Amino acid sequence: MARATGDDASRTRVRIGTQGWNYDAWVGPFYPSGTRVGDFLGMYARAFRTVEVDSTFYAIPPVKTVRGWADRTPADFAFALKLPQEITHERRLRGADARAAADLFFDRARELGPKLGPILVQLGPDFAPAELPALVEFLPHLPRDLHVAVEFRQRGWLTDGVLNLLAEHSVAVALTDARWIPRKTMLALAERPTAPFAYVRFMGPNRDIVDYSRIQVDRSREIEQWAGALRALAGRVEGGVWTYVNNHFAGHSPSSARDLQRLLGQRPVQPDELGDQLALF
């Protein structure tokens, strides 16, 4: 099969979703009025092909929960899971206990089967470059059959040495639009991927937004900048570009995600279309 390039690549290889789906404030603006909490995920999956799961950061989910996610989504849907904070923040990637917890988590993640997307290793803001030995020790333990991305929250991590280390293990640097590392730096890193896939997060500059029902900040300029970078990045990685928008980015992540889809030539599913689909069931 010929490799997709340019706009074709951005349409086929960039998966766009949000960080989480379980928000009551989305009922009305996104989910049709009257949608029950238990139906949120299935309804979400009619609009987007992927989601980043935040709850796995707080605890390893039971098998029943993971299988339930798979059962409520279509065959082409995929979940990105956060590595639990027990491993990243409490044990700080160190020691046998961290590796044992990671093994259990990876086994649980595999319950998703073909619906398992990348794993995000979200390091804490206080995880400084001085802790490089912990990362060096942890990376060889990562399963080769899984896509793994690491999110650094200090700019000092982004050296040639660290990037080369990640490349040796086919681990991606999470490209995050947030306050801790300048966007210019993230866009530059998009030009030199360290893995056969890419992972992009739209976080926003702060956590001031508390109303998730509507767009409250105009982020159109940022989205346009990233759309160009994602289009180019899609031609550089065979394993796709996984992109997730947080509510704090502009106020209502489904709307931001749809804007990004439009810029990349993908057809967004509008909220009124979800209402039409609900009427069929």
C-alpha atoms as a PDB file:
ATOM      1  CA  MET A   1       0.000   0.000   0.000  1.00  0.00           C
ATOM      2  CA  ALA A   2       1.341   3.446  -0.872  1.00  0.00           C
ATOM      3  CA  ARG A   3       2.215   5.676   2.053  1.00  0.00           C
ATOM      4  CA  ALA A   4      -0.223   8.525   2.600  1.00  0.00           C
ATOM      5  CA  THR A   5       1.315  11.988   2.439  1.00  0.00           C
ATOM      6  CA  GLY A   6       0.223  15.585   2.965  1.00  0.00           C
ATOM      7  CA  ASP A   7      -3.496  16.120   3.413  1.00  0.00           C
ATOM      8  CA  ASP A   8      -4.220  12.414   2.872  1.00  0.00           C
ATOM      9  CA  ALA A   9      -1.995  11.550   5.832  1.00  0.00           C
ATOM     10  CA  SER A  10      -3.615  14.124   8.084  1.00  0.00           C
ATOM     11  CA  ARG A  11      -7.068  12.760   7.278  1.00  0.00           C
ATOM     12  CA  THR A  12      -6.176   9.122   7.829  1.00  0.00           C
ATOM     13  CA  ARG A  13      -3.455   9.135  10.475  1.00  0.00           C
ATOM     14  CA  VAL A  14      -4.478  11.869  12.910  1.00  0.00           C
ATOM     15  CA  ARG A  15      -6.915  10.644  15.538  1.00  0.00           C
ATOM     16  CA  ILE A  16      -8.570  13.484  17.435  1.00  0.00           C
ATOM     17  CA  GLY A  17     -10.471  13.181  20.694  1.00  0.00           C
ATOM     18  CA  THR A  18     -10.810  14.692  24.138  1.00  0.00           C
ATOM     19  CA  GLN A  19      -9.369  14.033  27.559  1.00  0.00           C
ATOM     20  CA  GLY A  20     -12.237  12.182  29.198  1.00  0.00           C
ATOM     21  CA  TRP A  21     -15.908  11.839  28.302  1.00  0.00           C
ATOM     22  CA  ASN A  22     -17.772  11.803  31.622  1.00  0.00           C
ATOM     23  CA  TYR A  23     -18.860  15.443  32.005  1.00  0.00           C
ATOM     24  CA  ASP A  24     -22.401  16.400  33.019  1.00  0.00           C
ATOM     25  CA  ALA A  25     -21.814  19.894  31.581  1.00  0.00           C
ATOM     26  CA  TRP A  26     -21.620  18.369  28.107  1.00  0.00           C
ATOM     27  CA  VAL A  27     -25.291  17.304  28.242  1.00  0.00           C
ATOM     28  CA  GLY A  28     -27.064  19.752  25.972  1.00  0.00           C
ATOM     29  CA  PRO A  29     -24.036  21.379  24.299  1.00  0.00           C
ATOM     30  CA  PHE A  30     -22.652  18.012  23.131  1.00  0.00           C
ATOM     31  CA  TYR A  31     -24.606  15.012  24.392  1.00  0.00           C
ATOM     32  CA  PRO A  32     -28.311  15.201  23.533  1.00  0.00           C
ATOM     33  CA  SER A  33     -30.497  16.390  26.388  1.00  0.00           C
ATOM     34  CA  GLY A  34     -31.607  13.461  28.489  1.00  0.00           C
ATOM     35  CA  THR A  35     -28.512  11.327  27.783  1.00  0.00           C
ATOM     36  CA  ARG A  36     -27.782   9.152  30.822  1.00  0.00           C
ATOM     37  CA  VAL A  37     -24.329   8.941  32.363  1.00  0.00           C
ATOM     38  CA  GLY A  38     -24.102   5.271  31.428  1.00  0.00           C
ATOM     39  CA  ASP A  39     -24.622   6.200  27.775  1.00  0.00           C
ATOM     40  CA  PHE A  40     -22.000   8.963  27.631  1.00  0.00           C
ATOM     41  CA  LEU A  41     -19.184   6.782  26.288  1.00  0.00           C
ATOM     42  CA  GLY A  42     -21.238   5.117  23.586  1.00  0.00           C
ATOM     43  CA  MET A  43     -22.558   8.500  22.472  1.00  0.00           C
ATOM     44  CA  TYR A  44     -19.069  10.027  22.556  1.00  0.00           C
ATOM     45  CA  ALA A  45     -17.756   7.245  20.325  1.00  0.00           C
ATOM     46  CA  ARG A  46     -20.192   8.290  17.590  1.00  0.00           C
ATOM     47  CA  ALA A  47     -18.397  11.640  17.340  1.00  0.00           C
ATOM     48  CA  PHE A  48     -14.738  10.741  17.969  1.00  0.00           C
ATOM     49  CA  ARG A  49     -12.572   7.682  17.310  1.00  0.00           C
ATOM     50  CA  THR A  50     -10.413   7.937  20.425  1.00  0.00           C
ATOM     51  CA  VAL A  51     -10.343   9.240  24.000  1.00  0.00           C
ATOM     52  CA  GLU A  52      -7.693   9.758  26.660  1.00  0.00           C
ATOM     53  CA  VAL A  53      -8.741   8.083  29.924  1.00  0.00           C
ATOM     54  CA  ASP A  54      -7.853  10.143  32.985  1.00  0.00           C
ATOM     55  CA  SER A  55      -9.193   7.753  35.637  1.00  0.00           C
ATOM     56  CA  THR A  56      -6.353   5.254  35.141  1.00  0.00           C
ATOM     57  CA  PHE A  57      -3.992   7.894  36.558  1.00  0.00           C
ATOM     58  CA  TYR A  58      -5.672   7.473  39.936  1.00  0.00           C
ATOM     59  CA  ALA A  59      -5.990   3.691  40.047  1.00  0.00           C
ATOM     60  CA  ILE A  60      -5.561   0.560  37.962  1.00  0.00           C
ATOM     61  CA  PRO A  61      -9.087  -0.191  36.720  1.00  0.00           C
ATOM     62  CA  PRO A  62     -10.789  -3.545  37.336  1.00  0.00           C
ATOM     63  CA  VAL A  63     -10.976  -5.991  34.441  1.00  0.00           C
ATOM     64  CA  LYS A  64     -14.755  -5.565  34.339  1.00  0.00           C
ATOM     65  CA  THR A  65     -14.418  -1.809  33.851  1.00  0.00           C
ATOM     66  CA  VAL A  66     -11.896  -2.122  31.029  1.00  0.00           C
ATOM     67  CA  ARG A  67     -13.951  -4.725  29.203  1.00  0.00           C
ATOM     68  CA  GLY A  68     -17.006  -2.511  29.662  1.00  0.00           C
ATOM     69  CA  TRP A  69     -15.250   0.332  27.871  1.00  0.00           C
ATOM     70  CA  ALA A  70     -14.464  -1.971  24.974  1.00  0.00           C
ATOM     71  CA  ASP A  71     -18.008  -3.334  24.824  1.00  0.00           C
ATOM     72  CA  ARG A  72     -19.564   0.136  24.595  1.00  0.00           C
ATOM     73  CA  THR A  73     -17.480   1.366  21.663  1.00  0.00           C
ATOM     74  CA  PRO A  74     -17.242   0.488  17.957  1.00  0.00           C
ATOM     75  CA  ALA A  75     -14.522  -1.684  16.469  1.00  0.00           C
ATOM     76  CA  ASP A  76     -12.370   1.210  15.217  1.00  0.00           C
ATOM     77  CA  PHE A  77     -12.352   3.079  18.542  1.00  0.00           C
ATOM     78  CA  ALA A  78      -9.216   3.323  20.693  1.00  0.00           C
ATOM     79  CA  PHE A  79      -8.395   4.316  24.274  1.00  0.00           C
ATOM     80  CA  ALA A  80      -5.233   6.084  25.417  1.00  0.00           C
ATOM     81  CA  LEU A  81      -4.524   5.290  29.076  1.00  0.00           C
ATOM     82  CA  LYS A  82      -2.488   7.196  31.651  1.00  0.00           C
ATOM     83  CA  LEU A  83       0.018   5.234  33.684  1.00  0.00           C
ATOM     84  CA  PRO A  84      -1.091   5.354  37.361  1.00  0.00           C
ATOM     85  CA  GLN A  85       0.338   8.052  39.597  1.00  0.00           C
ATOM     86  CA  GLU A  86       1.439   5.337  42.014  1.00  0.00           C
ATOM     87  CA  ILE A  87       4.177   4.561  39.478  1.00  0.00           C
ATOM     88  CA  THR A  88       4.999   8.057  38.207  1.00  0.00           C
ATOM     89  CA  HIS A  89       4.418  10.340  41.194  1.00  0.00           C
ATOM     90  CA  GLU A  90       4.616   8.162  44.297  1.00  0.00           C
ATOM     91  CA  ARG A  91       7.283   5.587  43.368  1.00  0.00           C
ATOM     92  CA  ARG A  92       8.827   7.949  40.778  1.00  0.00           C
ATOM     93  CA  LEU A  93       9.515   5.066  38.349  1.00  0.00           C
ATOM     94  CA  ARG A  94      11.906   3.481  40.857  1.00  0.00           C
ATOM     95  CA  GLY A  95      12.300  -0.020  42.155  1.00  0.00           C
ATOM     96  CA  ALA A  96      10.673  -3.412  41.925  1.00  0.00           C
ATOM     97  CA  ASP A  97       7.339  -2.198  43.288  1.00  0.00           C
ATOM     98  CA  ALA A  98       7.006   0.381  40.498  1.00  0.00           C
ATOM     99  CA  ARG A  99       7.822  -2.261  37.888  1.00  0.00           C
ATOM    100  CA  ALA A 100       5.353  -4.735  39.419  1.00  0.00           C
ATOM    101  CA  ALA A 101       2.581  -2.123  39.401  1.00  0.00           C
ATOM    102  CA  ALA A 102       3.434  -1.282  35.800  1.00  0.00           C
ATOM    103  CA  ASP A 103       3.259  -4.952  34.805  1.00  0.00           C
ATOM    104  CA  LEU A 104      -0.198  -5.241  36.350  1.00  0.00           C
ATOM    105  CA  PHE A 105      -1.331  -2.071  34.620  1.00  0.00           C
ATOM    106  CA  PHE A 106      -0.058  -3.193  31.213  1.00  0.00           C
ATOM    107  CA  ASP A 107      -1.811  -6.543  31.621  1.00  0.00           C
ATOM    108  CA  ARG A 108      -5.032  -4.733  32.499  1.00  0.00           C
ATOM    109  CA  ALA A 109      -4.642  -2.363  29.544  1.00  0.00           C
ATOM    110  CA  ARG A 110      -4.333  -5.319  27.176  1.00  0.00           C
ATOM    111  CA  GLU A 111      -7.897  -6.287  28.114  1.00  0.00           C
ATOM    112  CA  LEU A 112      -8.874  -3.657  25.544  1.00  0.00           C
ATOM    113  CA  GLY A 113      -7.375  -5.794  22.783  1.00  0.00           C
ATOM    114  CA  PRO A 114      -7.223  -3.927  19.450  1.00  0.00           C
ATOM    115  CA  LYS A 115      -8.895  -0.917  21.091  1.00  0.00           C
ATOM    116  CA  LEU A 116      -5.798  -0.141  23.139  1.00  0.00           C
ATOM    117  CA  GLY A 117      -4.091   3.035  21.983  1.00  0.00           C
ATOM    118  CA  PRO A 118      -0.958   4.622  23.473  1.00  0.00           C
ATOM    119  CA  ILE A 119       0.035   4.684  27.139  1.00  0.00           C
ATOM    120  CA  LEU A 120       0.891   8.108  28.584  1.00  0.00           C
ATOM    121  CA  VAL A 121       3.584   8.327  31.264  1.00  0.00           C
ATOM    122  CA  GLN A 122       2.718  11.709  32.774  1.00  0.00           C
ATOM    123  CA  LEU A 123       5.604  12.813  34.982  1.00  0.00           C
ATOM    124  CA  GLY A 124       5.003  15.284  37.783  1.00  0.00           C
ATOM    125  CA  PRO A 125       6.046  18.953  37.634  1.00  0.00           C
ATOM    126  CA  ASP A 126       8.655  18.230  40.307  1.00  0.00           C
ATOM    127  CA  PHE A 127      10.190  15.309  38.368  1.00  0.00           C
ATOM    128  CA  ALA A 128      13.416  17.078  37.425  1.00  0.00           C
ATOM    129  CA  PRO A 129      16.220  16.133  35.021  1.00  0.00           C
ATOM    130  CA  ALA A 130      18.291  15.126  38.055  1.00  0.00           C
ATOM    131  CA  GLU A 131      16.070  12.040  38.186  1.00  0.00           C
ATOM    132  CA  LEU A 132      17.272  10.848  34.785  1.00  0.00           C
ATOM    133  CA  PRO A 133      18.665   7.600  36.323  1.00  0.00           C
ATOM    134  CA  ALA A 134      15.110   6.595  37.266  1.00  0.00           C
ATOM    135  CA  LEU A 135      13.949   7.080  33.683  1.00  0.00           C
ATOM    136  CA  VAL A 136      16.967   5.190  32.346  1.00  0.00           C
ATOM    137  CA  GLU A 137      16.115   2.287  34.658  1.00  0.00           C
ATOM    138  CA  PHE A 138      12.420   2.296  33.783  1.00  0.00           C
ATOM    139  CA  LEU A 139      12.484   2.557  29.979  1.00  0.00           C
ATOM    140  CA  PRO A 140      13.868  -0.960  29.293  1.00  0.00           C
ATOM    141  CA  HIS A 141      10.971  -2.360  31.326  1.00  0.00           C
ATOM    142  CA  LEU A 142       8.369  -0.984  28.916  1.00  0.00           C
ATOM    143  CA  PRO A 143       6.712  -3.642  26.717  1.00  0.00           C
ATOM    144  CA  ARG A 144       7.787  -3.404  23.113  1.00  0.00           C
ATOM    145  CA  ASP A 145       4.315  -4.264  21.848  1.00  0.00           C
ATOM    146  CA  LEU A 146       2.772  -1.090  23.280  1.00  0.00           C
ATOM    147  CA  HIS A 147       3.015   2.539  22.178  1.00  0.00           C
ATOM    148  CA  VAL A 148       4.277   4.646  25.099  1.00  0.00           C
ATOM    149  CA  ALA A 149       4.668   8.431  25.350  1.00  0.00           C
ATOM    150  CA  VAL A 150       6.339  10.400  28.152  1.00  0.00           C
ATOM    151  CA  GLU A 151       5.187  13.861  29.180  1.00  0.00           C
ATOM    152  CA  PHE A 152       7.856  16.070  30.745  1.00  0.00           C
ATOM    153  CA  ARG A 153       6.843  19.186  32.642  1.00  0.00           C
ATOM    154  CA  GLN A 154      10.270  20.767  32.842  1.00  0.00           C
ATOM    155  CA  ARG A 155      12.023  22.149  29.782  1.00  0.00           C
ATOM    156  CA  GLY A 156      15.394  20.874  31.015  1.00  0.00           C
ATOM    157  CA  TRP A 157      14.433  17.346  29.990  1.00  0.00           C
ATOM    158  CA  LEU A 158      14.377  18.203  26.311  1.00  0.00           C
ATOM    159  CA  THR A 159      18.024  17.622  25.476  1.00  0.00           C
ATOM    160  CA  ASP A 160      19.540  15.687  22.597  1.00  0.00           C
ATOM    161  CA  GLY A 161      20.688  13.031  25.061  1.00  0.00           C
ATOM    162  CA  VAL A 162      17.199  12.434  26.469  1.00  0.00           C
ATOM    163  CA  LEU A 163      15.594  12.500  23.029  1.00  0.00           C
ATOM    164  CA  ASN A 164      18.114   9.956  21.775  1.00  0.00           C
ATOM    165  CA  LEU A 165      17.442   7.793  24.830  1.00  0.00           C
ATOM    166  CA  LEU A 166      13.713   7.803  24.103  1.00  0.00           C
ATOM    167  CA  ALA A 167      14.363   7.021  20.451  1.00  0.00           C
ATOM    168  CA  GLU A 168      16.394   3.952  21.456  1.00  0.00           C
ATOM    169  CA  HIS A 169      13.279   2.608  23.156  1.00  0.00           C
ATOM    170  CA  SER A 170      10.776   3.904  20.543  1.00  0.00           C
ATOM    171  CA  VAL A 171       9.111   6.089  23.184  1.00  0.00           C
ATOM    172  CA  ALA A 172       7.440   9.335  22.093  1.00  0.00           C
ATOM    173  CA  VAL A 173       7.719  12.726  23.735  1.00  0.00           C
ATOM    174  CA  ALA A 174       4.204  13.965  24.479  1.00  0.00           C
ATOM    175  CA  LEU A 175       3.826  17.279  22.641  1.00  0.00           C
ATOM    176  CA  THR A 176       1.798  19.329  25.089  1.00  0.00           C
ATOM    177  CA  ASP A 177       0.384  22.809  24.619  1.00  0.00           C
ATOM    178  CA  ALA A 178       0.471  24.038  28.207  1.00  0.00           C
ATOM    179  CA  ARG A 179       2.137  26.550  30.504  1.00  0.00           C
ATOM    180  CA  TRP A 180       5.202  24.546  31.520  1.00  0.00           C
ATOM    181  CA  ILE A 181       7.061  24.367  28.182  1.00  0.00           C
ATOM    182  CA  PRO A 182       6.727  26.989  25.398  1.00  0.00           C
ATOM    183  CA  ARG A 183       4.607  26.083  22.405  1.00  0.00           C
ATOM    184  CA  LYS A 184       7.493  27.013  20.132  1.00  0.00           C
ATOM    185  CA  THR A 185       9.583  24.257  21.732  1.00  0.00           C
ATOM    186  CA  MET A 186       6.805  21.695  21.316  1.00  0.00           C
ATOM    187  CA  LEU A 187       6.276  22.604  17.663  1.00  0.00           C
ATOM    188  CA  ALA A 188       9.997  22.213  17.043  1.00  0.00           C
ATOM    189  CA  LEU A 189       9.964  18.758  18.647  1.00  0.00           C
ATOM    190  CA  ALA A 190       7.203  17.748  16.229  1.00  0.00           C
ATOM    191  CA  GLU A 191       9.856  17.888  13.517  1.00  0.00           C
ATOM    192  CA  ARG A 192      11.954  15.134  15.131  1.00  0.00           C
ATOM    193  CA  PRO A 193       9.731  12.324  16.440  1.00  0.00           C
ATOM    194  CA  THR A 194      11.395   9.729  18.665  1.00  0.00           C
ATOM    195  CA  ALA A 195       8.856   6.973  18.051  1.00  0.00           C
ATOM    196  CA  PRO A 196       6.833   5.537  15.155  1.00  0.00           C
ATOM    197  CA  PHE A 197       3.779   7.407  16.474  1.00  0.00           C
ATOM    198  CA  ALA A 198       3.124  10.841  17.982  1.00  0.00           C
ATOM    199  CA  TYR A 199       1.115  11.984  21.005  1.00  0.00           C
ATOM    200  CA  VAL A 200      -0.254  15.533  21.291  1.00  0.00           C
ATOM    201  CA  ARG A 201      -2.142  17.141  24.194  1.00  0.00           C
ATOM    202  CA  PHE A 202      -3.981  20.479  24.259  1.00  0.00           C
ATOM    203  CA  MET A 203      -4.012  21.496  27.937  1.00  0.00           C
ATOM    204  CA  GLY A 204      -4.221  25.305  27.996  1.00  0.00           C
ATOM    205  CA  PRO A 205      -2.253  27.808  30.085  1.00  0.00           C
ATOM    206  CA  ASN A 206      -4.069  27.376  33.421  1.00  0.00           C
ATOM    207  CA  ARG A 207      -6.919  25.705  35.306  1.00  0.00           C
ATOM    208  CA  ASP A 208      -9.173  28.764  35.724  1.00  0.00           C
ATOM    209  CA  ILE A 209     -12.029  27.449  33.560  1.00  0.00           C
ATOM    210  CA  VAL A 210     -14.693  25.682  35.616  1.00  0.00           C
ATOM    211  CA  ASP A 211     -17.609  25.761  33.153  1.00  0.00           C
ATOM    212  CA  TYR A 212     -17.112  23.013  30.578  1.00  0.00           C
ATOM    213  CA  SER A 213     -20.291  23.676  28.606  1.00  0.00           C
ATOM    214  CA  ARG A 214     -19.021  26.299  26.164  1.00  0.00           C
ATOM    215  CA  ILE A 215     -15.964  27.851  24.543  1.00  0.00           C
ATOM    216  CA  GLN A 216     -14.746  30.740  26.711  1.00  0.00           C
ATOM    217  CA  VAL A 217     -11.309  31.521  25.247  1.00  0.00           C
ATOM    218  CA  ASP A 218     -10.527  32.028  21.564  1.00  0.00           C
ATOM    219  CA  ARG A 219      -7.798  29.489  20.764  1.00  0.00           C
ATOM    220  CA  SER A 220      -8.250  29.567  16.985  1.00  0.00           C
ATOM    221  CA  ARG A 221      -4.707  30.853  16.404  1.00  0.00           C
ATOM    222  CA  GLU A 222      -3.179  28.045  18.454  1.00  0.00           C
ATOM    223  CA  ILE A 223      -5.334  25.422  16.753  1.00  0.00           C
ATOM    224  CA  GLU A 224      -4.316  26.702  13.322  1.00  0.00           C
ATOM    225  CA  GLN A 225      -0.632  26.535  14.299  1.00  0.00           C
ATOM    226  CA  TRP A 226      -0.993  22.978  15.518  1.00  0.00           C
ATOM    227  CA  ALA A 227      -3.045  21.886  12.514  1.00  0.00           C
ATOM    228  CA  GLY A 228      -0.102  22.642  10.258  1.00  0.00           C
ATOM    229  CA  ALA A 229       2.293  20.804  12.562  1.00  0.00           C
ATOM    230  CA  LEU A 230      -0.005  17.784  12.819  1.00  0.00           C
ATOM    231  CA  ARG A 231      -0.408  17.641   9.060  1.00  0.00           C
ATOM    232  CA  ALA A 232       3.369  17.502   8.649  1.00  0.00           C
ATOM    233  CA  LEU A 233       3.832  15.107  11.559  1.00  0.00           C
ATOM    234  CA  ALA A 234       1.326  12.671  10.092  1.00  0.00           C
ATOM    235  CA  GLY A 235       3.665  12.210   7.153  1.00  0.00           C
ATOM    236  CA  ARG A 236       6.607  11.432   9.442  1.00  0.00           C
ATOM    237  CA  VAL A 237       5.176   8.647  11.623  1.00  0.00           C
ATOM    238  CA  GLU A 238       3.678   5.366  10.465  1.00  0.00           C
ATOM    239  CA  GLY A 239       1.796   4.692  13.701  1.00  0.00           C
ATOM    240  CA  GLY A 240      -0.430   7.743  13.590  1.00  0.00           C
ATOM    241  CA  VAL A 241      -0.807  10.960  15.546  1.00  0.00           C
ATOM    242  CA  TRP A 242      -2.935  10.716  18.685  1.00  0.00           C
ATOM    243  CA  THR A 243      -4.378  14.085  19.692  1.00  0.00           C
ATOM    244  CA  TYR A 244      -6.412  14.958  22.802  1.00  0.00           C
ATOM    245  CA  VAL A 245      -8.024  18.225  23.921  1.00  0.00           C
ATOM    246  CA  ASN A 246      -8.651  19.183  27.552  1.00  0.00           C
ATOM    247  CA  ASN A 247     -11.660  21.250  28.658  1.00  0.00           C
ATOM    248  CA  HIS A 248      -9.255  23.824  30.108  1.00  0.00           C
ATOM    249  CA  PHE A 249      -7.801  24.538  26.683  1.00  0.00           C
ATOM    250  CA  ALA A 250     -10.729  26.744  25.640  1.00  0.00           C
ATOM    251  CA  GLY A 251     -13.686  25.702  27.818  1.00  0.00           C
ATOM    252  CA  HIS A 252     -15.425  22.915  25.895  1.00  0.00           C
ATOM    253  CA  SER A 253     -13.112  20.299  24.418  1.00  0.00           C
ATOM    254  CA  PRO A 254     -15.556  18.674  21.958  1.00  0.00           C
ATOM    255  CA  SER A 255     -15.873  21.996  20.133  1.00  0.00           C
ATOM    256  CA  SER A 256     -12.101  22.513  20.031  1.00  0.00           C
ATOM    257  CA  ALA A 257     -11.633  18.958  18.761  1.00  0.00           C
ATOM    258  CA  ARG A 258     -14.162  19.544  15.981  1.00  0.00           C
ATOM    259  CA  ASP A 259     -12.349  22.733  14.961  1.00  0.00           C
ATOM    260  CA  LEU A 260      -9.141  20.753  14.663  1.00  0.00           C
ATOM    261  CA  GLN A 261     -10.889  18.065  12.639  1.00  0.00           C
ATOM    262  CA  ARG A 262     -12.160  20.660  10.166  1.00  0.00           C
ATOM    263  CA  LEU A 263      -8.706  22.159   9.691  1.00  0.00           C
ATOM    264  CA  LEU A 264      -7.296  18.699   8.953  1.00  0.00           C
ATOM    265  CA  GLY A 265      -9.953  17.882   6.380  1.00  0.00           C
ATOM    266  CA  GLN A 266     -11.872  15.505   8.626  1.00  0.00           C
ATOM    267  CA  ARG A 267     -15.652  15.689   8.826  1.00  0.00           C
ATOM    268  CA  PRO A 268     -16.797  16.527  12.373  1.00  0.00           C
ATOM    269  CA  VAL A 269     -19.958  14.970  13.773  1.00  0.00           C
ATOM    270  CA  GLN A 270     -22.103  17.815  15.068  1.00  0.00           C
ATOM    271  CA  PRO A 271     -24.081  17.602  18.329  1.00  0.00           C
ATOM    272  CA  ASP A 272     -27.411  17.765  16.464  1.00  0.00           C
ATOM    273  CA  GLU A 273     -26.363  14.686  14.509  1.00  0.00           C
ATOM    274  CA  LEU A 274     -25.833  12.801  17.768  1.00  0.00           C
ATOM    275  CA  GLY A 275     -29.387  13.691  18.688  1.00  0.00           C
ATOM    276  CA  ASP A 276     -30.628  12.221  15.414  1.00  0.00           C
ATOM    277  CA  GLN A 277     -28.677   9.021  16.122  1.00  0.00           C
ATOM    278  CA  LEU A 278     -30.104   8.808  19.634  1.00  0.00           C
ATOM    279  CA  ALA A 279     -33.607   8.824  18.172  1.00  0.00           C
ATOM    280  CA  LEU A 280     -32.769   5.620  16.272  1.00  0.00           C
ATOM    281  CA  PHE A 281     -32.120   3.602  19.438  1.00  0.00           C
END
